[in-house]
C-alpha cells in the first residue's frame, strides 16, 4: 500500500469535518420508493468514514467497507459500534484491489473515480445485483475541487460504462446538496441475468 497515499488520506480525514448523513443520491434511491433493493451483501468502495456503509447496514445489508485511510475507517468502526451495526471494515489500496467474482448484491461507489475498477465492480456483482455510482463530472472544474480530469467523469461516461446493465435511474448535471453546488453524475443499474 503506498504510504504517501495513505498518509494523504489519513491527514485529509483527520482535518475534514465529519459528514454523517449518507450521500443524497443514495438516499434518493432508497427513500423514493421507486425501486426495491433487497438487503444482501454490499460493498462500499472508498467508504471514507463510512456514512454510506452505515446507512446500508441500518437497512439490513451485510456491508463490507473498503478504504485506504486507517483514520477514516476507525471513525466508521466507532460509529458502527455506537449504533450496534455490523460492518466489516477493510483497509485496502483501491488501485491494487481485487474483487471476488459474483459476490455482491449491491456495490456503492461515491466521490471516487478509478476507471480501472469499473470492470471489477461489474464482475463482482451477482446476476440481478445493483450498482449505485455517483461522482463528479468534468464540469466540476468550473466550481472548484476536484479539478484533475483523471478523477472527473466525462458527459454520459457512466451510461457508457454500464451500457450492458439495465439502467433504472440516471441523473447528470448541477446538483445542490446541503447548500453546496457541484456537477455530478449518478447511476442506479442492475446486472442482467
Protein backbone atom coordinates (compact mmCIF):
# COMPACT_ATOMS: atom_id res chain seq x y z
CA UNK A 1 0.00 0.00 0.00
CA UNK A 2 1.59 3.33 -0.97
CA UNK A 3 2.40 5.03 2.32
CA UNK A 4 2.16 8.51 0.79
CA UNK A 5 -1.41 7.86 -0.42
CA UNK A 6 -2.47 6.53 2.97
CA UNK A 7 -0.83 9.47 4.77
CA UNK A 8 -2.51 11.97 2.42
CA UNK A 9 -5.98 10.50 3.02
CA UNK A 10 -5.39 10.00 6.75
CA UNK A 11 -4.48 13.67 7.06
CA UNK A 12 -7.45 14.80 4.97
CA UNK A 13 -9.91 12.69 7.00
CA UNK A 14 -8.40 13.87 10.29
CA UNK A 15 -8.87 17.52 9.29
CA UNK A 16 -12.18 17.25 7.44
CA UNK A 17 -15.43 17.96 9.25
CA UNK A 18 -17.47 14.83 9.78
CA UNK A 19 -20.18 14.08 7.26
CA UNK A 20 -22.59 11.69 8.89
CA UNK A 21 -25.54 11.87 6.53
CA UNK A 22 -25.49 9.42 3.64
CA UNK A 23 -24.97 10.76 0.14
CA UNK A 24 -28.00 12.48 -1.39
CA UNK A 25 -28.12 10.13 -4.39
CA UNK A 26 -28.10 7.06 -2.11
CA UNK A 27 -30.97 8.48 -0.07
CA UNK A 28 -32.88 9.28 -3.28
CA UNK A 29 -32.55 5.69 -4.48
CA UNK A 30 -33.67 4.14 -1.19
CA UNK A 31 -36.21 6.69 0.01
CA UNK A 32 -38.03 7.37 -3.27
CA UNK A 33 -40.00 4.12 -3.17
CA UNK A 34 -39.45 3.70 -6.92
CA UNK A 35 -37.16 0.68 -6.58
CA UNK A 36 -36.92 -2.19 -4.16
CA UNK A 37 -33.37 -3.31 -3.48
CA UNK A 38 -33.50 -6.30 -1.18
CA UNK A 39 -30.88 -6.43 1.60
CA UNK A 40 -27.94 -8.71 0.91
CA UNK A 41 -24.18 -8.49 0.75
CA UNK A 42 -22.96 -4.96 -0.08
CA UNK A 43 -19.62 -3.35 -0.82
CA UNK A 44 -18.92 0.35 -0.18
CA UNK A 45 -15.92 1.39 -2.30
CA UNK A 46 -13.82 4.28 -0.93
CA UNK A 47 -16.05 4.36 2.14
CA UNK A 48 -14.18 7.12 3.97
CA UNK A 49 -15.74 7.40 7.42
CA UNK A 50 -18.49 5.03 6.41
CA UNK A 51 -21.58 7.24 6.19
CA UNK A 52 -22.98 5.22 3.27
CA UNK A 53 -21.93 1.87 4.77
CA UNK A 54 -23.79 2.70 7.98
CA UNK A 55 -26.87 3.76 6.01
CA UNK A 56 -26.89 0.38 4.25
CA UNK A 57 -26.27 -1.58 7.45
CA UNK A 58 -29.24 0.19 9.05
CA UNK A 59 -31.34 -1.17 6.16
CA UNK A 60 -30.26 -4.75 6.77
CA UNK A 61 -27.33 -5.11 4.40
CA UNK A 62 -24.22 -7.09 5.34
CA UNK A 63 -21.71 -4.37 4.45
CA UNK A 64 -18.02 -4.55 3.62
CA UNK A 65 -16.49 -1.05 3.73
CA UNK A 66 -13.14 -0.53 1.98
CA UNK A 67 -10.82 2.49 2.09
CA UNK A 68 -7.11 3.31 2.18
CA UNK A 69 -7.37 5.57 5.24
CA UNK A 70 -6.96 3.88 8.62
CA UNK A 71 -8.08 7.14 10.28
CA UNK A 72 -11.37 7.21 8.36
CA UNK A 73 -12.03 3.51 8.91
CA UNK A 74 -11.54 3.87 12.67
CA UNK A 75 -14.13 6.67 12.77
CA UNK A 76 -16.54 4.46 10.83
CA UNK A 77 -15.85 1.47 13.08
CA UNK A 78 -16.52 3.58 16.20
CA UNK A 79 -19.79 4.90 14.76
CA UNK A 80 -20.93 1.41 13.81
CA UNK A 81 -20.22 0.12 17.31
CA UNK A 82 -22.11 3.03 18.87
CA UNK A 83 -25.16 2.12 16.76
CA UNK A 84 -24.68 -1.65 17.22
CA UNK A 85 -24.29 -2.10 13.46
CA UNK A 86 -22.22 -4.88 11.97
CA UNK A 87 -19.95 -3.63 9.20
CA UNK A 88 -16.71 -5.23 8.03
CA UNK A 89 -14.04 -2.50 7.76
CA UNK A 90 -11.08 -3.22 5.50
CA UNK A 91 -8.05 -1.08 4.73
CA UNK A 92 -7.01 -1.53 1.10
CA UNK A 93 -5.19 0.34 -1.62
CA UNK A 94 -8.04 0.61 -4.12
CA UNK A 95 -5.58 0.80 -7.01
CA UNK A 96 -4.47 -2.74 -6.14
CA UNK A 97 -7.85 -4.09 -5.03
CA UNK A 98 -9.04 -7.39 -6.46
CA UNK A 99 -12.73 -8.11 -6.04
CA UNK A 100 -14.26 -11.61 -5.94
CA UNK A 101 -16.44 -12.67 -8.86
CA UNK A 102 -20.25 -12.64 -8.42
CA UNK A 103 -20.13 -11.97 -4.70
CA UNK A 104 -22.17 -8.80 -4.00
CA UNK A 105 -25.85 -7.95 -4.25
CA UNK A 106 -25.06 -4.22 -4.15
CA UNK A 107 -21.93 -2.15 -4.77
CA UNK A 108 -21.88 1.57 -4.00
CA UNK A 109 -19.19 3.99 -5.11
CA UNK A 110 -19.37 7.68 -4.16
CA UNK A 111 -16.99 10.57 -4.81
CA UNK A 112 -14.30 8.26 -6.17
CA UNK A 113 -13.36 7.57 -9.76
CA UNK A 114 -10.89 4.87 -10.63
CA UNK A 115 -11.79 3.83 -14.14
CA UNK A 116 -9.78 0.59 -13.92
CA UNK A 117 -12.01 -0.55 -11.03
CA UNK A 118 -15.28 -0.33 -13.00
CA UNK A 119 -14.86 -3.70 -14.81
CA UNK A 120 -14.15 -5.33 -11.45
CA UNK A 121 -17.27 -3.75 -9.93
CA UNK A 122 -19.37 -5.16 -12.76
CA UNK A 123 -17.76 -8.60 -12.43
CA UNK A 124 -18.12 -8.65 -8.61
CA UNK A 125 -21.90 -8.17 -8.73
CA UNK A 126 -24.19 -11.17 -8.64
CA UNK A 127 -26.65 -11.56 -11.51
CA UNK A 128 -29.54 -9.25 -10.64
CA UNK A 129 -27.29 -7.22 -8.32
CA UNK A 130 -27.29 -3.43 -8.30
CA UNK A 131 -24.63 -0.76 -8.59
CA UNK A 132 -25.11 2.77 -7.29
CA UNK A 133 -22.32 5.01 -8.57
CA UNK A 134 -22.16 8.78 -8.10
CA UNK A 135 -19.23 11.15 -8.54
CA UNK A 136 -18.08 14.42 -10.07
CA UNK A 137 -18.39 15.47 -13.71
CA UNK A 138 -15.76 17.25 -15.77
CA UNK A 139 -17.84 20.46 -15.36
CA UNK A 140 -16.82 20.47 -11.68
CA UNK A 141 -13.60 22.20 -12.72
CA UNK A 142 -15.57 25.43 -13.11
CA UNK A 143 -16.66 25.32 -9.45
CA UNK A 144 -13.53 24.10 -7.69
CA UNK A 145 -12.25 20.85 -6.22
CA UNK A 146 -11.70 18.31 -7.69
CA UNK A 147 -10.11 19.70 -10.84
CA UNK A 148 -7.97 16.84 -12.16
CA UNK A 149 -9.76 15.44 -15.25
CA UNK A 150 -8.41 11.96 -14.42
CA UNK A 151 -10.87 11.93 -11.50
CA UNK A 152 -13.83 13.53 -13.28
CA UNK A 153 -16.44 11.78 -15.40
CA UNK A 154 -16.98 12.85 -18.97
CA UNK A 155 -20.55 13.55 -20.05
CA UNK A 156 -22.53 10.27 -20.34
CA UNK A 157 -19.48 8.25 -19.26
CA UNK A 158 -21.38 6.35 -16.57
CA UNK A 159 -24.06 5.40 -19.09
CA UNK A 160 -21.37 4.14 -21.43
CA UNK A 161 -19.60 2.16 -18.69
CA UNK A 162 -22.81 0.40 -17.66
CA UNK A 163 -24.43 0.11 -21.11
CA UNK A 164 -24.91 -3.66 -20.81
CA UNK A 165 -26.69 -3.21 -17.46
CA UNK A 166 -30.35 -2.29 -17.01
CA UNK A 167 -30.27 1.41 -16.12
CA UNK A 168 -33.01 2.09 -13.58
CA UNK A 169 -32.17 5.69 -12.75
CA UNK A 170 -29.66 8.19 -14.07
CA UNK A 171 -29.01 11.85 -13.44
CA UNK A 172 -26.29 14.18 -14.63
CA UNK A 173 -25.74 17.89 -14.14
CA UNK A 174 -25.60 20.55 -11.47
CA UNK A 175 -26.76 19.22 -8.09
CA UNK A 176 -27.20 21.13 -4.83
CA UNK A 177 -26.67 19.20 -1.60
CA UNK A 178 -26.53 20.79 1.86
CA UNK A 179 -26.40 24.20 0.21
CA UNK A 180 -23.35 23.39 -1.94
CA UNK A 181 -23.49 23.08 -5.71
CA UNK A 182 -21.48 20.52 -7.66
CA UNK A 183 -21.58 18.89 -11.07
CA UNK A 184 -22.25 15.15 -10.70
CA UNK A 185 -23.45 12.05 -12.47
CA UNK A 186 -25.21 9.22 -10.69
CA UNK A 187 -26.50 5.86 -11.85
CA UNK A 188 -28.54 3.02 -10.40
CA UNK A 189 -28.16 -0.02 -12.63
CA UNK A 190 -28.88 -3.74 -12.39
CA UNK A 191 -26.68 -6.55 -13.70
CA UNK A 192 -28.66 -8.57 -16.24
CA UNK A 193 -29.27 -12.31 -15.90
